[in-house]
Protein backbone atom coordinates (compact mmCIF):
# COMPACT_ATOMS: atom_id res chain seq x y z
CA MET A 1 0.04 0.08 -0.03
CA SER A 2 1.30 3.45 -0.81
CA ASP A 3 2.50 5.65 1.92
CA PRO A 4 1.22 9.24 1.32
CA ALA A 5 3.97 10.74 3.34
CA SER A 6 6.57 9.22 0.99
CA SER A 7 4.78 9.93 -2.31
CA SER A 8 5.67 13.66 -2.67
CA GLY A 9 8.62 15.95 -2.67
CA PRO A 10 11.88 15.99 -4.89
CA ALA A 11 13.04 12.55 -3.68
CA ALA A 12 9.73 10.94 -4.70
CA LEU A 13 9.66 12.75 -8.00
CA PHE A 14 13.27 11.55 -8.73
CA ARG A 15 12.17 7.98 -7.76
CA ASN A 16 9.20 8.14 -10.07
CA LEU A 17 11.44 9.34 -12.95
CA VAL A 18 13.73 6.48 -12.43
CA VAL A 19 10.81 3.89 -12.34
CA GLY A 20 9.41 5.55 -15.47
CA LEU A 21 12.83 5.08 -17.24
CA ALA A 22 13.13 1.37 -16.20
CA VAL A 23 9.51 0.56 -17.09
CA SER A 24 9.73 2.37 -20.44
CA PHE A 25 12.11 -0.17 -21.89
CA VAL A 26 9.59 -2.93 -20.96
CA ALA A 27 6.76 -0.94 -22.56
CA LEU A 28 8.84 -0.24 -25.72
CA SER A 29 9.81 -3.90 -26.22
CA LEU A 30 6.28 -5.25 -25.58
CA GLY A 31 4.81 -2.49 -27.70
CA ALA A 32 7.14 -3.70 -30.58
CA ALA A 33 6.10 -7.31 -29.98
CA PHE A 34 2.43 -6.66 -29.90
CA GLY A 35 2.73 -4.41 -33.01
CA ILE A 36 4.21 -7.40 -34.77
CA LEU A 37 1.49 -9.62 -33.32
CA SER A 38 -1.29 -7.36 -34.75
CA GLY A 39 0.24 -7.37 -38.14
CA ARG A 40 0.76 -3.59 -38.24
CA GLY A 41 4.46 -3.66 -37.42
CA ALA A 42 6.81 -2.87 -34.59
CA PHE A 43 6.76 0.86 -35.14
CA ALA A 44 3.00 1.03 -34.83
CA GLY A 45 3.24 -0.94 -31.52
CA MET A 46 6.09 1.24 -30.08
CA ILE A 47 4.41 4.59 -30.94
CA SER A 48 1.26 3.34 -29.40
CA ALA A 49 2.97 2.28 -26.26
CA GLY A 50 4.28 5.82 -25.67
CA VAL A 51 1.16 7.70 -26.74
CA ILE A 52 -1.36 5.51 -24.80
CA ALA A 53 0.82 5.54 -21.68
CA LEU A 54 1.19 9.34 -21.76
CA ILE A 55 -2.51 10.15 -22.37
CA THR A 56 -3.95 7.59 -19.93
CA SER A 57 -1.62 8.79 -17.20
CA LEU A 58 -2.70 12.40 -17.72
CA LEU A 59 -6.52 11.67 -17.94
CA GLY A 60 -7.03 8.29 -16.36
CA GLY A 61 -8.97 7.33 -13.27
CA THR A 62 -6.23 4.90 -11.94
CA ARG A 63 -3.59 7.28 -10.44
CA VAL A 64 -0.55 4.96 -10.70
CA GLN A 65 -0.63 2.77 -13.84
CA CYS A 66 0.80 2.03 -17.20
CA SER A 67 -1.39 1.44 -20.21
CA GLY A 68 -0.29 0.38 -23.79
CA PRO A 69 -0.87 -2.46 -26.40
CA THR A 70 -1.72 -5.70 -24.73
CA ALA A 71 -1.86 -9.28 -25.97
CA PRO A 72 -5.72 -9.57 -26.10
CA MET A 73 -6.14 -6.22 -27.82
CA SER A 74 -3.49 -7.11 -30.28
CA VAL A 75 -5.01 -10.36 -31.20
CA VAL A 76 -8.43 -8.70 -31.94
CA ALA A 77 -6.61 -5.95 -33.85
CA ALA A 78 -4.98 -8.62 -35.93
CA THR A 79 -8.33 -9.80 -36.97
CA VAL A 80 -9.36 -6.36 -38.06
CA ILE A 81 -6.23 -5.94 -40.01
CA ALA A 82 -6.60 -9.32 -41.78
CA VAL A 83 -10.16 -8.41 -42.72
CA ALA A 84 -9.08 -5.05 -44.08
CA PHE A 85 -6.44 -6.59 -46.41
CA ASP A 86 -8.18 -9.81 -47.33
CA GLN A 87 -11.93 -8.94 -47.62
CA LEU A 88 -12.40 -5.18 -47.81
CA ALA A 89 -11.85 -4.99 -51.64
CA SER A 90 -14.80 -7.17 -52.34
CA GLU A 91 -17.10 -5.48 -49.75
CA LEU A 92 -16.08 -1.79 -49.94
CA PRO A 93 -14.15 -1.32 -53.12
CA GLY A 94 -12.21 1.97 -53.13
CA VAL A 95 -11.75 2.11 -49.43
CA ALA A 96 -8.05 1.99 -48.37
CA PRO A 97 -7.44 -0.73 -45.84
CA ASP A 98 -5.52 1.49 -43.48
CA HIS A 99 -8.43 3.91 -43.46
CA PHE A 100 -10.91 1.12 -42.56
CA ILE A 101 -8.55 -0.11 -39.79
CA ASN A 102 -8.33 3.39 -38.42
CA ALA A 103 -12.03 3.92 -38.67
CA VAL A 104 -12.61 0.77 -36.49
CA PHE A 105 -10.05 2.05 -33.94
CA LEU A 106 -11.69 5.46 -33.80
CA LEU A 107 -15.15 3.98 -33.39
CA ALA A 108 -13.88 1.80 -30.63
CA GLY A 109 -12.56 4.86 -28.79
CA ALA A 110 -15.88 6.59 -29.25
CA LEU A 111 -17.68 3.45 -27.88
CA MET A 112 -15.33 3.73 -24.78
CA LEU A 113 -16.45 7.36 -24.32
CA LEU A 114 -20.14 6.32 -24.57
CA MET A 115 -19.57 3.59 -21.99
CA ALA A 116 -18.19 6.26 -19.68
CA ALA A 117 -21.08 8.70 -20.40
CA LEU A 118 -23.57 5.93 -19.54
CA ARG A 119 -21.57 5.12 -16.28
CA LEU A 120 -21.10 1.43 -17.25
CA GLY A 121 -17.80 1.16 -15.38
CA ARG A 122 -19.51 -0.31 -12.20
CA PHE A 123 -20.80 -3.37 -14.17
CA ILE A 124 -17.35 -4.88 -14.47
CA SER A 125 -18.24 -7.00 -11.46
CA LEU A 126 -21.02 -8.69 -13.30
CA VAL A 127 -18.73 -10.64 -15.73
CA PRO A 128 -18.19 -14.01 -14.12
CA ASN A 129 -14.61 -14.98 -13.32
CA VAL A 130 -15.05 -18.37 -15.19
CA VAL A 131 -15.72 -16.38 -18.35
CA ILE A 132 -12.79 -14.09 -17.83
CA SER A 133 -10.73 -17.21 -17.27
CA GLY A 134 -11.92 -18.88 -20.41
CA PHE A 135 -11.48 -15.94 -22.75
CA MET A 136 -7.92 -15.21 -21.36
CA ASN A 137 -7.06 -18.89 -22.10
CA GLY A 138 -8.45 -18.52 -25.60
CA ILE A 139 -6.29 -15.40 -26.14
CA ALA A 140 -3.25 -17.31 -25.07
CA LEU A 141 -4.13 -20.12 -27.45
CA LEU A 142 -4.44 -17.57 -30.29
CA ILE A 143 -1.09 -16.13 -29.45
CA TRP A 144 0.61 -19.48 -29.41
CA ILE A 145 -1.05 -20.54 -32.69
CA GLY A 146 -0.22 -17.35 -34.52
CA GLN A 147 3.47 -17.34 -33.41
CA THR A 148 3.84 -20.99 -34.36
CA GLU A 149 2.40 -20.23 -37.76
CA LYS A 150 4.88 -17.50 -38.26
CA LEU A 151 7.91 -19.59 -37.24
CA PHE A 152 7.06 -22.37 -39.52
CA GLY A 153 5.08 -20.51 -42.29
CA LEU A 154 1.86 -22.47 -41.66
CA GLY A 155 -1.73 -21.60 -42.23
CA GLY A 156 -0.85 -19.11 -45.07
CA ALA A 157 1.31 -17.04 -42.77
CA GLY A 158 4.60 -15.92 -44.17
CA ALA A 159 7.54 -17.41 -42.16
CA PHE A 160 10.04 -15.14 -40.59
CA ALA A 161 12.85 -14.34 -42.84
CA GLY A 162 15.90 -16.56 -42.76
CA SER A 163 16.52 -20.10 -41.52
CA ILE A 164 13.51 -21.80 -39.77
CA ALA A 165 15.94 -23.76 -37.63
CA TYR A 166 17.76 -20.67 -36.36
CA ASN A 167 14.51 -18.77 -35.87
CA CYS A 168 13.06 -21.66 -33.79
CA ALA A 169 16.33 -21.90 -31.79
CA ILE A 170 16.24 -18.05 -31.03
CA ALA A 171 12.58 -18.22 -30.01
CA ALA A 172 13.20 -21.24 -27.75
CA CYS A 173 16.27 -19.55 -26.11
CA THR A 174 14.29 -16.40 -25.60
CA LEU A 175 11.50 -18.36 -23.95
CA VAL A 176 13.91 -20.18 -21.64
CA PHE A 177 15.62 -16.96 -20.78
CA LEU A 178 12.41 -15.24 -19.76
CA PHE A 179 11.55 -18.01 -17.41
CA ALA A 180 14.95 -18.50 -16.02
CA TYR A 181 16.11 -14.92 -15.63
CA PRO A 182 14.08 -13.75 -12.59
CA PRO A 183 14.87 -16.76 -10.32
CA LEU A 184 18.55 -16.67 -11.44
CA ILE A 185 18.77 -12.93 -10.49
CA ARG A 186 17.22 -13.53 -7.08
CA ARG A 187 19.51 -16.51 -6.37
CA CYS A 188 22.84 -15.15 -7.69
CA CYS A 189 22.64 -11.45 -6.96
CA PRO A 190 19.73 -10.59 -4.73
CA ARG A 191 21.21 -7.33 -3.61
CA LEU A 192 21.71 -6.12 -7.17
CA GLY A 193 18.44 -7.38 -8.45
CA ARG A 194 16.65 -4.04 -8.42
CA PHE A 195 19.45 -2.55 -10.62
CA MET A 196 19.35 -5.29 -13.18
CA PRO A 197 17.27 -4.72 -16.46
CA PRO A 198 13.82 -6.20 -16.67
CA GLY A 199 13.72 -9.71 -18.25
CA THR A 200 12.16 -8.44 -21.54
CA LEU A 201 14.91 -5.83 -22.00
CA ALA A 202 17.64 -8.18 -20.95
CA VAL A 203 16.67 -10.95 -23.41
CA LEU A 204 16.39 -8.40 -26.29
CA ILE A 205 19.94 -7.32 -25.59
CA ALA A 206 21.44 -10.76 -25.06
CA MET A 207 19.72 -12.52 -27.97
CA THR A 208 20.46 -9.53 -30.46
CA ALA A 209 24.14 -9.57 -29.39
CA ALA A 210 24.36 -13.31 -29.78
CA ALA A 211 22.74 -13.26 -33.22
CA ARG A 212 24.99 -10.55 -34.48
CA ALA A 213 28.11 -12.21 -32.90
CA LEU A 214 27.33 -15.53 -34.62
CA ASP A 215 26.23 -13.82 -37.72
CA LEU A 216 23.00 -15.94 -37.90
CA PRO A 217 21.01 -15.89 -41.14
CA VAL A 218 17.78 -14.66 -39.50
CA GLY A 219 15.42 -11.67 -40.40
CA THR A 220 15.32 -8.65 -38.19
CA ILE A 221 12.31 -6.47 -37.48
CA ASP A 222 11.08 -3.76 -39.92
CA LEU A 223 10.56 -0.24 -38.62
CA ALA A 224 8.75 0.86 -41.83
CA GLY A 225 6.25 3.58 -41.24
CA GLY A 226 8.41 5.59 -38.88
CA PHE A 227 8.99 9.48 -38.96
CA SER A 228 12.20 11.49 -38.70
CA ASP A 229 10.78 14.79 -37.62
CA PHE A 230 7.57 16.67 -36.62
CA GLY A 231 6.88 17.59 -40.23
CA ALA A 232 6.85 13.88 -41.07
CA LEU A 233 4.67 13.25 -38.15
CA ALA A 234 2.07 15.87 -39.42
CA ASP A 235 2.06 14.10 -42.74
CA LEU A 236 1.54 10.78 -41.15
CA VAL A 237 -1.44 12.00 -39.28
CA ALA A 238 -3.00 13.59 -42.36
CA ALA A 239 -2.54 10.28 -44.27
CA GLN A 240 -4.20 8.18 -41.52
CA TRP A 241 -7.49 10.12 -41.24
CA PRO A 242 -10.39 7.99 -42.78
CA ARG A 243 -12.06 9.75 -45.64
CA ASP A 244 -14.97 7.53 -46.22
CA TRP A 245 -17.60 7.46 -43.42
CA SER A 246 -20.41 5.93 -45.41
CA GLY A 247 -23.17 3.85 -43.83
CA ALA A 248 -21.72 0.66 -45.26
CA LEU A 249 -18.36 1.25 -43.81
CA VAL A 250 -19.72 2.04 -40.39
CA LEU A 251 -21.93 -1.02 -40.41
CA LEU A 252 -18.92 -3.24 -41.37
CA ALA A 253 -16.62 -1.55 -38.84
CA LEU A 254 -18.99 -1.49 -35.82
CA PRO A 255 -18.93 -5.12 -34.85
CA PHE A 256 -15.02 -4.96 -34.73
CA ALA A 257 -15.18 -1.67 -32.84
CA PHE A 258 -17.52 -3.11 -30.34
CA GLU A 259 -15.38 -6.11 -29.73
CA LEU A 260 -12.26 -3.96 -29.13
CA ALA A 261 -14.21 -1.60 -26.85
CA LEU A 262 -15.61 -4.54 -24.79
CA LEU A 263 -12.17 -6.05 -24.44
CA CYS A 264 -10.56 -2.76 -23.51
CA TYR A 265 -13.25 -2.37 -20.86
CA LEU A 266 -12.53 -5.77 -19.42
CA ASP A 267 -8.82 -5.66 -19.68
CA THR A 268 -8.64 -2.04 -18.37
CA LEU A 269 -11.09 -2.27 -15.30
CA LEU A 270 -9.78 -5.68 -14.22
CA THR A 271 -6.28 -4.22 -14.12
CA SER A 272 -7.55 -1.23 -12.21
CA LEU A 273 -8.88 -3.64 -9.46
CA VAL A 274 -5.54 -5.34 -9.21
CA VAL A 275 -3.76 -1.91 -8.86
CA ASP A 276 -6.25 -0.86 -6.24
CA ARG A 277 -5.49 -3.82 -4.16
CA LEU A 278 -1.71 -3.03 -4.30
CA THR A 279 -2.02 0.75 -3.64
CA GLY A 280 -5.12 0.72 -1.26
CA GLU A 281 -6.67 3.42 -3.47
CA LYS A 282 -10.01 3.49 -5.36
CA SER A 283 -9.98 3.96 -9.09
CA ARG A 284 -12.48 6.14 -10.95
CA GLN A 285 -13.68 3.55 -13.36
CA ASP A 286 -15.72 5.83 -15.86
CA LYS A 287 -12.87 8.40 -15.88
CA GLU A 288 -10.42 5.56 -16.81
CA LEU A 289 -12.75 4.57 -19.61
CA VAL A 290 -12.65 8.18 -20.93
CA ALA A 291 -8.83 8.19 -20.88
CA GLN A 292 -8.69 4.77 -22.77
CA GLY A 293 -11.14 6.10 -25.40
CA VAL A 294 -9.10 9.16 -26.01
CA ALA A 295 -5.92 7.33 -26.11
CA ASN A 296 -7.08 4.63 -28.63
CA GLY A 297 -8.64 7.34 -30.87
CA THR A 298 -5.47 9.25 -30.89
CA VAL A 299 -3.20 6.25 -31.84
CA ALA A 300 -5.63 5.46 -34.75
CA LEU A 301 -4.55 8.82 -36.26
CA LEU A 302 -0.86 7.83 -35.91
CA GLY A 303 -1.30 4.40 -37.67
CA GLY A 304 -0.88 2.75 -34.27
CA ILE A 305 -2.70 -0.10 -32.59
CA PRO A 306 -5.26 0.03 -29.65
CA GLY A 307 -4.35 -0.85 -26.04
CA ALA A 308 -5.66 -0.98 -22.54
CA GLN A 309 -4.35 -0.71 -19.00
CA ALA A 310 -1.64 -3.43 -18.88
CA THR A 311 -1.39 -5.51 -15.78
CA ILE A 312 2.27 -6.57 -16.01
CA ARG A 313 3.43 -2.95 -16.64
CA SER A 314 1.02 -1.36 -14.03
CA VAL A 315 2.12 -3.90 -11.30
CA LEU A 316 5.81 -3.38 -12.25
CA VAL A 317 5.33 0.36 -11.73
CA VAL A 318 3.80 -0.19 -8.24
CA LYS A 319 6.25 -2.75 -7.13
CA GLU A 320 9.28 -0.63 -8.23
CA GLY A 321 8.07 2.22 -6.09
CA GLY A 322 6.00 4.37 -8.49
CA SER A 323 3.79 6.59 -6.37
CA GLN A 324 2.69 9.54 -8.51
CA ARG A 325 0.51 10.09 -11.60
CA ILE A 326 3.49 11.46 -13.44
CA VAL A 327 5.38 8.13 -13.47
CA GLY A 328 3.04 7.09 -16.39
CA VAL A 329 3.89 10.33 -18.09
CA PHE A 330 7.57 9.68 -17.84
CA ILE A 331 7.03 6.24 -19.24
CA GLY A 332 5.23 7.57 -22.27
CA ILE A 333 7.84 10.37 -22.79
CA PHE A 334 10.76 7.93 -22.47
CA VAL A 335 9.22 5.44 -24.90
CA LEU A 336 8.80 8.14 -27.65
CA VAL A 337 12.33 9.39 -27.04
CA GLU A 338 13.86 5.97 -27.10
CA MET A 339 12.08 4.80 -30.23
CA VAL A 340 13.57 7.80 -32.09
CA LEU A 341 17.09 7.74 -30.62
CA PHE A 342 17.50 3.92 -30.91
CA GLN A 343 15.83 3.19 -34.14
CA ASP A 344 19.10 1.78 -35.70
CA LEU A 345 19.65 -0.54 -32.82
CA ILE A 346 16.02 -1.64 -32.69
CA ALA A 347 16.16 -2.58 -36.33
CA THR A 348 18.83 -5.27 -35.58
CA ILE A 349 16.69 -7.30 -33.20
CA PRO A 350 15.85 -10.77 -34.83
CA GLN A 351 12.05 -11.23 -35.51
CA ALA A 352 12.15 -14.55 -33.71
CA VAL A 353 12.98 -12.94 -30.34
CA PHE A 354 9.54 -11.39 -30.33
CA ALA A 355 8.01 -14.80 -31.02
CA GLY A 356 9.68 -16.03 -27.78
CA ILE A 357 8.49 -12.88 -25.94
CA LEU A 358 4.91 -13.49 -27.19
CA PHE A 359 4.96 -17.12 -26.21
CA LYS A 360 5.79 -15.92 -22.69
CA ALA A 361 3.12 -13.27 -22.97
CA GLY A 362 0.56 -15.95 -23.81
CA TYR A 363 1.62 -17.92 -20.72
CA ASP A 364 1.23 -14.84 -18.48
CA VAL A 365 -2.22 -14.23 -20.01
CA CYS A 366 -3.40 -17.85 -19.50
CA ASP A 367 -5.26 -18.66 -16.30
CA LEU A 368 -3.76 -22.10 -15.39
CA ASP A 369 -5.03 -22.03 -11.80
CA THR A 370 -8.60 -23.00 -12.82
CA VAL A 371 -7.55 -25.92 -14.86
CA LEU A 372 -4.99 -27.24 -12.37
CA ALA A 373 -7.62 -27.03 -9.54
CA TYR A 374 -9.95 -29.05 -11.62
CA VAL A 375 -7.39 -31.70 -12.46
CA ARG A 376 -6.30 -31.92 -8.79
CA ARG A 377 -9.85 -32.46 -7.64
CA PHE A 378 -10.79 -35.18 -10.00
CA ALA A 379 -7.38 -36.79 -9.78
CA GLY A 380 -8.19 -37.31 -6.06
CA ARG A 381 -5.30 -35.03 -4.87
CA PRO A 382 -6.79 -32.53 -2.47
CA ALA A 383 -5.22 -29.07 -2.32
CA THR A 384 -3.01 -28.37 0.61
CA ASP A 385 -4.10 -24.71 0.64
CA PRO A 386 -7.44 -24.28 2.47
CA ALA A 387 -8.21 -21.21 0.28
CA ALA A 388 -7.73 -23.14 -2.98
CA VAL A 389 -10.21 -22.86 -5.68
CA PHE A 390 -13.00 -25.50 -5.92
CA VAL A 391 -13.80 -26.31 -9.58
CA ALA A 392 -16.52 -28.66 -10.54
CA HIS A 393 -17.69 -29.96 -13.93
CA LYS A 394 -20.11 -26.96 -14.44
CA GLU A 395 -17.48 -24.35 -13.94
CA MET A 396 -14.89 -26.19 -16.02
CA LEU A 397 -17.44 -26.53 -18.93
CA ILE A 398 -17.94 -22.78 -18.96
CA VAL A 399 -14.19 -22.10 -18.93
CA ALA A 400 -13.58 -24.57 -21.77
CA GLY A 401 -16.55 -23.32 -23.78
CA THR A 402 -15.52 -19.72 -23.55
CA THR A 403 -11.95 -20.67 -24.55
CA LEU A 404 -13.11 -22.71 -27.51
CA VAL A 405 -15.53 -20.06 -28.88
CA THR A 406 -12.90 -17.27 -28.33
CA VAL A 407 -10.52 -19.34 -30.57
CA VAL A 408 -12.88 -20.42 -33.29
CA TRP A 409 -15.35 -17.58 -33.31
CA ASP A 410 -14.72 -14.25 -31.44
CA LEU A 411 -14.49 -12.77 -28.08
CA ASN A 412 -17.82 -10.93 -28.04
CA THR A 413 -19.74 -14.09 -28.78
CA ALA A 414 -17.79 -16.02 -26.11
CA VAL A 415 -18.32 -13.43 -23.40
CA ALA A 416 -21.90 -12.79 -24.25
CA VAL A 417 -23.04 -16.43 -24.61
CA PHE A 418 -21.24 -17.89 -21.56
CA THR A 419 -22.00 -15.03 -19.28
CA LEU A 420 -25.69 -15.56 -19.98
CA LEU A 421 -25.25 -19.27 -19.66
CA PHE A 422 -23.48 -18.80 -16.29
CA TYR A 423 -26.37 -16.86 -14.80
CA LEU A 424 -28.99 -19.13 -16.38
CA VAL A 425 -27.35 -22.35 -15.13
CA ASN A 426 -26.88 -20.86 -11.50
CA LYS A 427 -30.52 -19.80 -11.63
CA ILE A 428 -31.71 -23.23 -12.49
CA VAL A 429 -29.46 -25.06 -10.14
CA GLN A 430 -30.02 -22.59 -7.33
CA THR A 431 -26.79 -23.44 -5.75
CA HIS A 432 -23.71 -21.45 -4.61
CA ASN A 433 -21.04 -21.25 -7.29
CA PRO A 434 -17.64 -21.78 -5.61
CA ILE A 435 -15.81 -20.51 -8.58
CA ARG A 436 -16.61 -17.02 -7.48
CA ASP A 437 -13.81 -17.40 -5.07
CA LEU A 438 -11.38 -17.59 -7.94
CA LYS A 439 -9.55 -14.36 -8.82
CA PRO A 440 -7.89 -14.91 -12.20
CA LEU A 441 -7.78 -11.18 -12.60
CA GLU A 442 -4.83 -11.25 -10.35
CA ARG A 443 -2.83 -13.26 -12.96
CA PRO A 444 -0.73 -10.83 -14.99
CA THR A 445 -1.77 -10.01 -18.48
CA ALA A 446 0.79 -8.45 -20.83
């Protein structure tokens, strides 16, 4: 819990600046990874990481936080981008794919503002935790499937440039590094742990250096779409504004926009609840929705990707000692400065490193506690923790169903159908649902 007495003054300001600098590298690298995941490119993800963090920290209802591109939002954005480039020509000839994509993101931002105006933030508690668990598992599966296809060139996806064997080796080494790095630091140099770079930044440096030292035949990330000065930035904004707002375009864009807005609502407000527990504060949920709406509308005009409040980055800010609203502003500013100053270095990072980072992000998103609790119960292995989750067939069916529908259909359908089914089943059975004790929202999402 934050100590008000220690959260102000020059020393606290300096501490927040240092925290902002450290977390900015995590935000920058994850932004690049999620930009690649979305299909819009590393540059789009990085500029979104900076702009969203900056705007939401200035306007948001969660005082200490970090927002930016997240794995679930990037998966849905990838669907929008795929539709724009694969189907748009037949349904809306003459409309540029980028303009359709930006129209979807702008509408999603507008829907977030509408949710805030209608004061819908308080309804976050009505979404059952089993449904949240299911769609987070579905998002994890989509990430793993997508990165596997890119590593091997399956399912019509173009494989990463270079040798498949070397790319797979880099992705595997990256994944092992990310799991091994934190316990290794804690065991070998506990006193220096807080001065060591975060795992995501450390693996980027280590794997890039190794690939260059060994001269491995692998592709590196493409920063196409960047800008070199503010004049180029103005041209970029002018080129992104959708020029066709016909009824047909809006009707085609609205379902995707609603899906993004709903996911941003869930992702953001669940993270706000986690941060509230850590800080002992109370977020203003509708104000947070306004900030997310403005931020996602803004990045649409920069050719970026939408985001939400990010659990891993927000929790990292709190754990590292961030105590002022300005810490998120520092993160956003540092990200934008770093992406300009270090473009040449960033362009040397192997593509496969981000595949490994995204495999780890999928693991972080996935809610394994529910599945393991179910397996333990029906394997006759009672949990040693008296507070352990009780998961019966009914709850597991909802988790599995939500996961399946998220993977093969879409998030909106999964959440709507299985939320309704959850309440319907509990109304019929008229029994207490033990799964309500589950708190999958405490598991980090990227």
